[in-house]
PDB file of N, CA and C in Angstrom:
ATOM      1  N   THR A   1      45.014 153.119 190.953  1.00  0.00           N
ATOM      2  CA  THR A   1      44.117 153.211 189.816  1.00  0.00           C
ATOM      3  C   THR A   1      44.568 152.202 188.773  1.00  0.00           C
ATOM      4  N   PHE A   2      43.616 151.504 188.180  1.00  0.00           N
ATOM      5  CA  PHE A   2      43.934 150.486 187.181  1.00  0.00           C
ATOM      6  C   PHE A   2      43.175 150.768 185.893  1.00  0.00           C
ATOM      7  N   GLY A   3      43.885 150.658 184.767  1.00  0.00           N
ATOM      8  CA  GLY A   3      43.264 150.834 183.471  1.00  0.00           C
ATOM      9  C   GLY A   3      42.514 149.576 183.050  1.00  0.00           C
ATOM     10  N   ASN A   4      42.111 149.551 181.801  1.00  0.00           N
ATOM     11  CA  ASN A   4      41.396 148.403 181.247  1.00  0.00           C
ATOM     12  C   ASN A   4      42.345 147.242 180.957  1.00  0.00           C
ATOM     13  N   TYR A   5      41.816 146.052 181.051  1.00  0.00           N
ATOM     14  CA  TYR A   5      42.529 144.826 180.686  1.00  0.00           C
ATOM     15  C   TYR A   5      43.799 144.604 181.504  1.00  0.00           C
ATOM     16  N   CYS A   6      43.733 144.907 182.780  1.00  0.00           N
ATOM     17  CA  CYS A   6      44.829 144.617 183.707  1.00  0.00           C
ATOM     18  C   CYS A   6      44.465 143.346 184.455  1.00  0.00           C
ATOM     19  N   TRP A   7      45.365 142.359 184.449  1.00  0.00           N
ATOM     20  CA  TRP A   7      45.091 141.140 185.204  1.00  0.00           C
ATOM     21  C   TRP A   7      46.371 140.396 185.537  1.00  0.00           C
ATOM     22  N   ASN A   8      46.241 139.465 186.489  1.00  0.00           N
ATOM     23  CA  ASN A   8      47.350 138.616 186.933  1.00  0.00           C
ATOM     24  C   ASN A   8      48.556 139.416 187.402  1.00  0.00           C
ATOM     25  N   ASN A   9      48.295 140.480 188.151  1.00  0.00           N
ATOM     26  CA  ASN A   9      49.344 141.310 188.720  1.00  0.00           C
ATOM     27  C   ASN A   9      49.381 141.110 190.232  1.00  0.00           C
ATOM     28  N   THR A  10      50.545 141.309 190.834  1.00  0.00           N
ATOM     29  CA  THR A  10      50.667 141.256 192.292  1.00  0.00           C
ATOM     30  C   THR A  10      51.368 142.528 192.769  1.00  0.00           C
ATOM     31  N   PHE A  11      51.032 142.924 193.984  1.00  0.00           N
ATOM     32  CA  PHE A  11      51.567 144.167 194.529  1.00  0.00           C
ATOM     33  C   PHE A  11      52.043 143.929 195.945  1.00  0.00           C
ATOM     34  N   GLY A  12      53.243 144.427 196.252  1.00  0.00           N
ATOM     35  CA  GLY A  12      53.811 144.275 197.584  1.00  0.00           C
ATOM     36  C   GLY A  12      53.235 145.290 198.551  1.00  0.00           C
ATOM     37  N   ASN A  13      53.930 145.494 199.646  1.00  0.00           N
ATOM     38  CA  ASN A  13      53.515 146.428 200.683  1.00  0.00           C
ATOM     39  C   ASN A  13      54.100 147.813 200.437  1.00  0.00           C
ATOM     40  N   TYR A  14      53.616 148.770 201.205  1.00  0.00           N
ATOM     41  CA  TYR A  14      54.155 150.128 201.205  1.00  0.00           C
ATOM     42  C   TYR A  14      54.001 150.843 199.868  1.00  0.00           C
ATOM     43  N   LEU A  15      52.827 150.721 199.244  1.00  0.00           N
ATOM     44  CA  LEU A  15      52.547 151.370 197.965  1.00  0.00           C
ATOM     45  C   LEU A  15      51.441 152.405 198.143  1.00  0.00           C
ATOM     46  N   CYS A  16      51.652 153.609 197.614  1.00  0.00           N
ATOM     47  CA  CYS A  16      50.633 154.666 197.652  1.00  0.00           C
ATOM     48  C   CYS A  16      50.573 155.348 196.287  1.00  0.00           C
ATOM     49  N   TYR A  17      49.387 155.614 195.813  1.00  0.00           N
ATOM     50  CA  TYR A  17      49.185 156.379 194.581  1.00  0.00           C
ATOM     51  C   TYR A  17      49.842 155.721 193.372  1.00  0.00           C
ATOM     52  N   LEU A  18      49.546 154.455 193.167  1.00  0.00           N
ATOM     53  CA  LEU A  18      50.088 153.694 192.041  1.00  0.00           C
ATOM     54  C   LEU A  18      49.055 153.660 190.913  1.00  0.00           C
ATOM     55  N   ILE A  19      49.506 153.901 189.691  1.00  0.00           N
ATOM     56  CA  ILE A  19      48.645 153.836 188.510  1.00  0.00           C
ATOM     57  C   ILE A  19      49.179 152.740 187.596  1.00  0.00           C
ATOM     58  N   ALA A  20      48.285 151.874 187.150  1.00  0.00           N
ATOM     59  CA  ALA A  20      48.614 150.880 186.128  1.00  0.00           C
ATOM     60  C   ALA A  20      47.763 151.220 184.914  1.00  0.00           C
ATOM     61  N   ASP A  21      48.404 151.624 183.824  1.00  0.00           N
ATOM     62  CA  ASP A  21      47.680 151.965 182.600  1.00  0.00           C
ATOM     63  C   ASP A  21      47.043 150.711 181.993  1.00  0.00           C
ATOM     64  N   ASP A  22      46.415 150.859 180.845  1.00  0.00           N
ATOM     65  CA  ASP A  22      45.772 149.738 180.160  1.00  0.00           C
ATOM     66  C   ASP A  22      46.761 148.625 179.814  1.00  0.00           C
ATOM     67  N   ASN A  23      46.258 147.403 179.791  1.00  0.00           N
ATOM     68  CA  ASN A  23      47.008 146.230 179.339  1.00  0.00           C
ATOM     69  C   ASN A  23      48.265 145.934 180.150  1.00  0.00           C
ATOM     70  N   VAL A  24      48.243 146.201 181.436  1.00  0.00           N
ATOM     71  CA  VAL A  24      49.347 145.831 182.322  1.00  0.00           C
ATOM     72  C   VAL A  24      49.024 144.444 182.860  1.00  0.00           C
ATOM     73  N   LYS A  25      49.849 143.457 182.464  1.00  0.00           N
ATOM     74  CA  LYS A  25      49.576 142.062 182.818  1.00  0.00           C
ATOM     75  C   LYS A  25      50.839 141.368 183.306  1.00  0.00           C
ATOM     76  N   TYR A  26      50.661 140.395 184.175  1.00  0.00           N
ATOM     77  CA  TYR A  26      51.760 139.553 184.653  1.00  0.00           C
ATOM     78  C   TYR A  26      52.929 140.383 185.204  1.00  0.00           C
ATOM     79  N   VAL A  27      52.587 141.345 186.041  1.00  0.00           N
ATOM     80  CA  VAL A  27      53.566 142.233 186.660  1.00  0.00           C
ATOM     81  C   VAL A  27      53.547 141.997 188.168  1.00  0.00           C
ATOM     82  N   ALA A  28      54.719 142.048 188.800  1.00  0.00           N
ATOM     83  CA  ALA A  28      54.829 141.984 190.257  1.00  0.00           C
ATOM     84  C   ALA A  28      55.566 143.230 190.726  1.00  0.00           C
ATOM     85  N   VAL A  29      54.855 144.096 191.432  1.00  0.00           N
ATOM     86  CA  VAL A  29      55.504 145.267 192.026  1.00  0.00           C
ATOM     87  C   VAL A  29      56.015 144.819 193.386  1.00  0.00           C
ATOM     88  N   VAL A  30      57.329 144.830 193.532  1.00  0.00           N
ATOM     89  CA  VAL A  30      57.957 144.307 194.745  1.00  0.00           C
ATOM     90  C   VAL A  30      58.518 145.455 195.574  1.00  0.00           C
ATOM     91  N   THR A  31      58.437 145.307 196.883  1.00  0.00           N
ATOM     92  CA  THR A  31      58.995 146.291 197.806  1.00  0.00           C
ATOM     93  C   THR A  31      59.685 145.546 198.940  1.00  0.00           C
ATOM     94  N   ALA A  32      60.505 146.261 199.672  1.00  0.00           N
ATOM     95  CA  ALA A  32      61.206 145.654 200.802  1.00  0.00           C
ATOM     96  C   ALA A  32      60.200 145.227 201.862  1.00  0.00           C
ATOM     97  N   ILE A  33      60.507 144.160 202.575  1.00  0.00           N
ATOM     98  CA  ILE A  33      59.617 143.638 203.607  1.00  0.00           C
ATOM     99  C   ILE A  33      59.367 144.675 204.693  1.00  0.00           C
ATOM    100  N   SER A  34      60.405 145.328 205.159  1.00  0.00           N
ATOM    101  CA  SER A  34      60.238 146.349 206.201  1.00  0.00           C
ATOM    102  C   SER A  34      60.840 147.661 205.717  1.00  0.00           C
ATOM    103  N   SER A  35      60.244 148.198 204.702  1.00  0.00           N
ATOM    104  CA  SER A  35      60.746 149.417 204.086  1.00  0.00           C
ATOM    105  C   SER A  35      60.660 150.603 205.045  1.00  0.00           C
ATOM    106  N   PRO A  36      61.656 151.478 205.031  1.00  0.00           N
ATOM    107  CA  PRO A  36      61.599 152.668 205.877  1.00  0.00           C
ATOM    108  C   PRO A  36      60.663 153.737 205.302  1.00  0.00           C
ATOM    109  N   GLY A  37      60.154 153.531 204.121  1.00  0.00           N
ATOM    110  CA  GLY A  37      59.267 154.506 203.496  1.00  0.00           C
ATOM    111  C   GLY A  37      58.334 153.833 202.513  1.00  0.00           C
ATOM    112  N   TYR A  38      57.628 154.642 201.774  1.00  0.00           N
ATOM    113  CA  TYR A  38      56.644 154.142 200.827  1.00  0.00           C
ATOM    114  C   TYR A  38      57.081 154.400 199.393  1.00  0.00           C
ATOM    115  N   VAL A  39      56.559 153.580 198.476  1.00  0.00           N
ATOM    116  CA  VAL A  39      56.624 153.900 197.059  1.00  0.00           C
ATOM    117  C   VAL A  39      55.410 154.772 196.800  1.00  0.00           C
ATOM    118  N   GLN A  40      55.650 155.993 196.365  1.00  0.00           N
ATOM    119  CA  GLN A  40      54.563 156.934 196.117  1.00  0.00           C
ATOM    120  C   GLN A  40      54.664 157.504 194.713  1.00  0.00           C
ATOM    121  N   ARG A  41      53.522 157.806 194.145  1.00  0.00           N
ATOM    122  CA  ARG A  41      53.459 158.459 192.833  1.00  0.00           C
ATOM    123  C   ARG A  41      54.222 157.655 191.777  1.00  0.00           C
ATOM    124  N   ALA A  42      53.781 156.455 191.528  1.00  0.00           N
ATOM    125  CA  ALA A  42      54.414 155.598 190.524  1.00  0.00           C
ATOM    126  C   ALA A  42      53.393 155.203 189.466  1.00  0.00           C
ATOM    127  N   ARG A  43      53.870 155.021 188.243  1.00  0.00           N
ATOM    128  CA  ARG A  43      52.978 154.684 187.131  1.00  0.00           C
ATOM    129  C   ARG A  43      53.605 153.595 186.283  1.00  0.00           C
ATOM    130  N   ILE A  44      52.807 152.578 185.971  1.00  0.00           N
ATOM    131  CA  ILE A  44      53.228 151.502 185.063  1.00  0.00           C
ATOM    132  C   ILE A  44      52.558 151.778 183.726  1.00  0.00           C
ATOM    133  N   LEU A  45      53.355 151.937 182.690  1.00  0.00           N
ATOM    134  CA  LEU A  45      52.846 152.379 181.397  1.00  0.00           C
ATOM    135  C   LEU A  45      52.093 151.291 180.636  1.00  0.00           C
ATOM    136  N   ASN A  46      51.238 151.752 179.745  1.00  0.00           N
ATOM    137  CA  ASN A  46      50.398 150.915 178.904  1.00  0.00           C
ATOM    138  C   ASN A  46      51.197 149.787 178.239  1.00  0.00           C
ATOM    139  N   GLY A  47      50.695 148.573 178.358  1.00  0.00           N
ATOM    140  CA  GLY A  47      51.294 147.434 177.681  1.00  0.00           C
ATOM    141  C   GLY A  47      52.462 146.784 178.391  1.00  0.00           C
ATOM    142  N   THR A  48      52.842 147.277 179.549  1.00  0.00           N
ATOM    143  CA  THR A  48      53.942 146.670 180.289  1.00  0.00           C
ATOM    144  C   THR A  48      53.472 145.306 180.778  1.00  0.00           C
ATOM    145  N   SER A  49      54.212 144.265 180.405  1.00  0.00           N
ATOM    146  CA  SER A  49      53.715 142.921 180.677  1.00  0.00           C
ATOM    147  C   SER A  49      54.843 141.916 180.795  1.00  0.00           C
ATOM    148  N   GLY A  50      54.641 140.947 181.694  1.00  0.00           N
ATOM    149  CA  GLY A  50      55.527 139.799 181.782  1.00  0.00           C
ATOM    150  C   GLY A  50      55.016 138.710 180.847  1.00  0.00           C
ATOM    151  N   SER A  51      55.630 137.542 180.902  1.00  0.00           N
ATOM    152  CA  SER A  51      55.277 136.447 179.991  1.00  0.00           C
ATOM    153  C   SER A  51      53.988 135.740 180.380  1.00  0.00           C
ATOM    154  N   ASN A  52      53.889 135.372 181.666  1.00  0.00           N
ATOM    155  CA  ASN A  52      52.730 134.621 182.152  1.00  0.00           C
ATOM    156  C   ASN A  52      52.734 134.682 183.676  1.00  0.00           C
ATOM    157  N   SER A  53      51.756 134.038 184.303  1.00  0.00           N
ATOM    158  CA  SER A  53      51.636 134.128 185.765  1.00  0.00           C
ATOM    159  C   SER A  53      52.783 133.437 186.495  1.00  0.00           C
ATOM    160  N   SER A  54      53.527 132.571 185.819  1.00  0.00           N
ATOM    161  CA  SER A  54      54.687 131.928 186.430  1.00  0.00           C
ATOM    162  C   SER A  54      55.965 132.729 186.212  1.00  0.00           C
ATOM    163  N   ASN A  55      55.905 133.710 185.323  1.00  0.00           N
ATOM    164  CA  ASN A  55      57.087 134.503 184.983  1.00  0.00           C
ATOM    165  C   ASN A  55      56.701 135.985 184.924  1.00  0.00           C
ATOM    166  N   ARG A  56      56.327 136.520 186.092  1.00  0.00           N
ATOM    167  CA  ARG A  56      55.911 137.919 186.148  1.00  0.00           C
ATOM    168  C   ARG A  56      57.109 138.864 185.994  1.00  0.00           C
ATOM    169  N   LEU A  57      56.853 140.000 185.406  1.00  0.00           N
ATOM    170  CA  LEU A  57      57.853 141.049 185.282  1.00  0.00           C
ATOM    171  C   LEU A  57      57.990 141.728 186.641  1.00  0.00           C
ATOM    172  N   GLN A  58      59.180 141.730 187.221  1.00  0.00           N
ATOM    173  CA  GLN A  58      59.433 142.287 188.552  1.00  0.00           C
ATOM    174  C   GLN A  58      59.754 143.773 188.438  1.00  0.00           C
ATOM    175  N   ILE A  59      58.952 144.604 189.100  1.00  0.00           N
ATOM    176  CA  ILE A  59      59.173 146.047 189.093  1.00  0.00           C
ATOM    177  C   ILE A  59      59.460 146.485 190.524  1.00  0.00           C
ATOM    178  N   ALA A  60      60.620 147.104 190.735  1.00  0.00           N
ATOM    179  CA  ALA A  60      61.027 147.562 192.066  1.00  0.00           C
ATOM    180  C   ALA A  60      61.231 149.074 192.025  1.00  0.00           C
ATOM    181  N   PHE A  61      60.173 149.816 192.336  1.00  0.00           N
ATOM    182  CA  PHE A  61      60.284 151.265 192.415  1.00  0.00           C
ATOM    183  C   PHE A  61      61.080 151.641 193.658  1.00  0.00           C
ATOM    184  N   LYS A  62      61.731 152.810 193.627  1.00  0.00           N
ATOM    185  CA  LYS A  62      62.466 153.310 194.794  1.00  0.00           C
ATOM    186  C   LYS A  62      61.484 153.861 195.818  1.00  0.00           C
ATOM    187  N   THR A  63      61.792 153.631 197.087  1.00  0.00           N
ATOM    188  CA  THR A  63      60.977 154.235 198.140  1.00  0.00           C
ATOM    189  C   THR A  63      61.420 155.672 198.359  1.00  0.00           C
ATOM    190  N   ASN A  64      60.497 156.478 198.823  1.00  0.00           N
ATOM    191  CA  ASN A  64      60.750 157.883 199.175  1.00  0.00           C
ATOM    192  C   ASN A  64      61.278 158.730 198.020  1.00  0.00           C
ATOM    193  N   ALA A  65      60.968 158.363 196.779  1.00  0.00           N
ATOM    194  CA  ALA A  65      61.384 159.177 195.634  1.00  0.00           C
ATOM    195  C   ALA A  65      60.640 160.508 195.668  1.00  0.00           C
ATOM    196  N   LYS A  66      61.315 161.568 195.292  1.00  0.00           N
ATOM    197  CA  LYS A  66      60.709 162.894 195.358  1.00  0.00           C
ATOM    198  C   LYS A  66      59.763 163.161 194.193  1.00  0.00           C
ATOM    199  N   GLY A  67      59.993 162.558 193.042  1.00  0.00           N
ATOM    200  CA  GLY A  67      59.138 162.760 191.885  1.00  0.00           C
ATOM    201  C   GLY A  67      58.410 161.496 191.496  1.00  0.00           C
ATOM    202  N   CYS A  68      57.547 161.610 190.519  1.00  0.00           N
ATOM    203  CA  CYS A  68      56.796 160.452 190.020  1.00  0.00           C
ATOM    204  C   CYS A  68      57.731 159.523 189.255  1.00  0.00           C
ATOM    205  N   GLN A  69      57.651 158.235 189.544  1.00  0.00           N
ATOM    206  CA  GLN A  69      58.452 157.233 188.843  1.00  0.00           C
ATOM    207  C   GLN A  69      57.584 156.534 187.799  1.00  0.00           C
ATOM    208  N   PHE A  70      58.187 156.203 186.686  1.00  0.00           N
ATOM    209  CA  PHE A  70      57.504 155.496 185.626  1.00  0.00           C
ATOM    210  C   PHE A  70      58.221 154.178 185.368  1.00  0.00           C
ATOM    211  N   ALA A  71      57.463 153.163 185.001  1.00  0.00           N
ATOM    212  CA  ALA A  71      58.037 151.877 184.593  1.00  0.00           C
ATOM    213  C   ALA A  71      57.390 151.478 183.275  1.00  0.00           C
ATOM    214  N   GLY A  72      58.211 150.989 182.355  1.00  0.00           N
ATOM    215  CA  GLY A  72      57.691 150.545 181.069  1.00  0.00           C
ATOM    216  C   GLY A  72      58.754 149.791 180.303  1.00  0.00           C
ATOM    217  N   LEU A  73      58.320 149.136 179.251  1.00  0.00           N
ATOM    218  CA  LEU A  73      59.244 148.408 178.392  1.00  0.00           C
ATOM    219  C   LEU A  73      59.716 149.334 177.277  1.00  0.00           C
ATOM    220  N   ASN A  74      61.037 149.354 177.035  1.00  0.00           N
ATOM    221  CA  ASN A  74      61.545 150.176 175.938  1.00  0.00           C
ATOM    222  C   ASN A  74      61.328 149.451 174.613  1.00  0.00           C
ATOM    223  N   SER A  75      61.807 150.017 173.514  1.00  0.00           N
ATOM    224  CA  SER A  75      61.568 149.429 172.192  1.00  0.00           C
ATOM    225  C   SER A  75      62.253 148.079 172.008  1.00  0.00           C
ATOM    226  N   SER A  76      63.207 147.751 172.884  1.00  0.00           N
ATOM    227  CA  SER A  76      63.858 146.434 172.844  1.00  0.00           C
ATOM    228  C   SER A  76      63.194 145.439 173.789  1.00  0.00           C
ATOM    229  N   GLY A  77      62.138 145.865 174.483  1.00  0.00           N
ATOM    230  CA  GLY A  77      61.436 144.985 175.409  1.00  0.00           C
ATOM    231  C   GLY A  77      62.087 144.867 176.771  1.00  0.00           C
ATOM    232  N   ILE A  78      62.976 145.803 177.100  1.00  0.00           N
ATOM    233  CA  ILE A  78      63.671 145.790 178.388  1.00  0.00           C
ATOM    234  C   ILE A  78      62.962 146.734 179.353  1.00  0.00           C
ATOM    235  N   LEU A  79      62.732 146.272 180.583  1.00  0.00           N
ATOM    236  CA  LEU A  79      62.083 147.096 181.592  1.00  0.00           C
ATOM    237  C   LEU A  79      62.986 148.255 181.987  1.00  0.00           C
ATOM    238  N   LYS A  80      62.427 149.454 181.982  1.00  0.00           N
ATOM    239  CA  LYS A  80      63.122 150.654 182.432  1.00  0.00           C
ATOM    240  C   LYS A  80      62.267 151.345 183.485  1.00  0.00           C
ATOM    241  N   ILE A  81      62.908 151.851 184.533  1.00  0.00           N
ATOM    242  CA  ILE A  81      62.232 152.631 185.568  1.00  0.00           C
ATOM    243  C   ILE A  81      62.959 153.965 185.638  1.00  0.00           C
ATOM    244  N   TRP A  82      62.204 155.068 185.571  1.00  0.00           N
ATOM    245  CA  TRP A  82      62.827 156.376 185.535  1.00  0.00           C
ATOM    246  C   TRP A  82      61.914 157.432 186.143  1.00  0.00           C
ATOM    247  N   THR A  83      62.508 158.578 186.429  1.00  0.00           N
ATOM    248  CA  THR A  83      61.791 159.777 186.856  1.00  0.00           C
ATOM    249  C   THR A  83      62.016 160.812 185.776  1.00  0.00           C
ATOM    250  N   PRO A  84      60.972 161.194 185.028  1.00  0.00           N
ATOM    251  CA  PRO A  84      61.142 162.106 183.889  1.00  0.00           C
ATOM    252  C   PRO A  84      61.866 163.416 184.227  1.00  0.00           C
ATOM    253  N   ALA A  85      61.615 163.986 185.381  1.00  0.00           N
ATOM    254  CA  ALA A  85      62.254 165.268 185.724  1.00  0.00           C
ATOM    255  C   ALA A  85      63.772 165.124 185.851  1.00  0.00           C
ATOM    256  N   ASP A  86      64.260 163.917 186.119  1.00  0.00           N
ATOM    257  CA  ASP A  86      65.706 163.695 186.225  1.00  0.00           C
ATOM    258  C   ASP A  86      66.377 163.710 184.854  1.00  0.00           C
ATOM    259  N   LEU A  87      65.601 163.586 183.785  1.00  0.00           N
ATOM    260  CA  LEU A  87      66.160 163.499 182.434  1.00  0.00           C
ATOM    261  C   LEU A  87      66.415 164.857 181.806  1.00  0.00           C
ATOM    262  N   VAL A  88      65.921 165.923 182.435  1.00  0.00           N
ATOM    263  CA  VAL A  88      66.070 167.257 181.853  1.00  0.00           C
ATOM    264  C   VAL A  88      67.253 167.990 182.437  1.00  0.00           C
TER     265      VAL A  88
END
């Protein structure tokens, strides 16, 4: 599922149930070439963006994760990937 104003993104193989919120641009979701499993239930948060099409933000979600994974930029502009249930 893709939100509004998403463009210039690339997606690797072995992805299921991926959500890209609004304004996700210049992102590359990368996965292993011959992954033993799938990236499932992952979400890229609103406004997560790389610089341009030559410098995409690389997002590598874990395969076979038990919970939903989120990716987004923190307040310092650094990419973070996490599973919210692991934080409690």
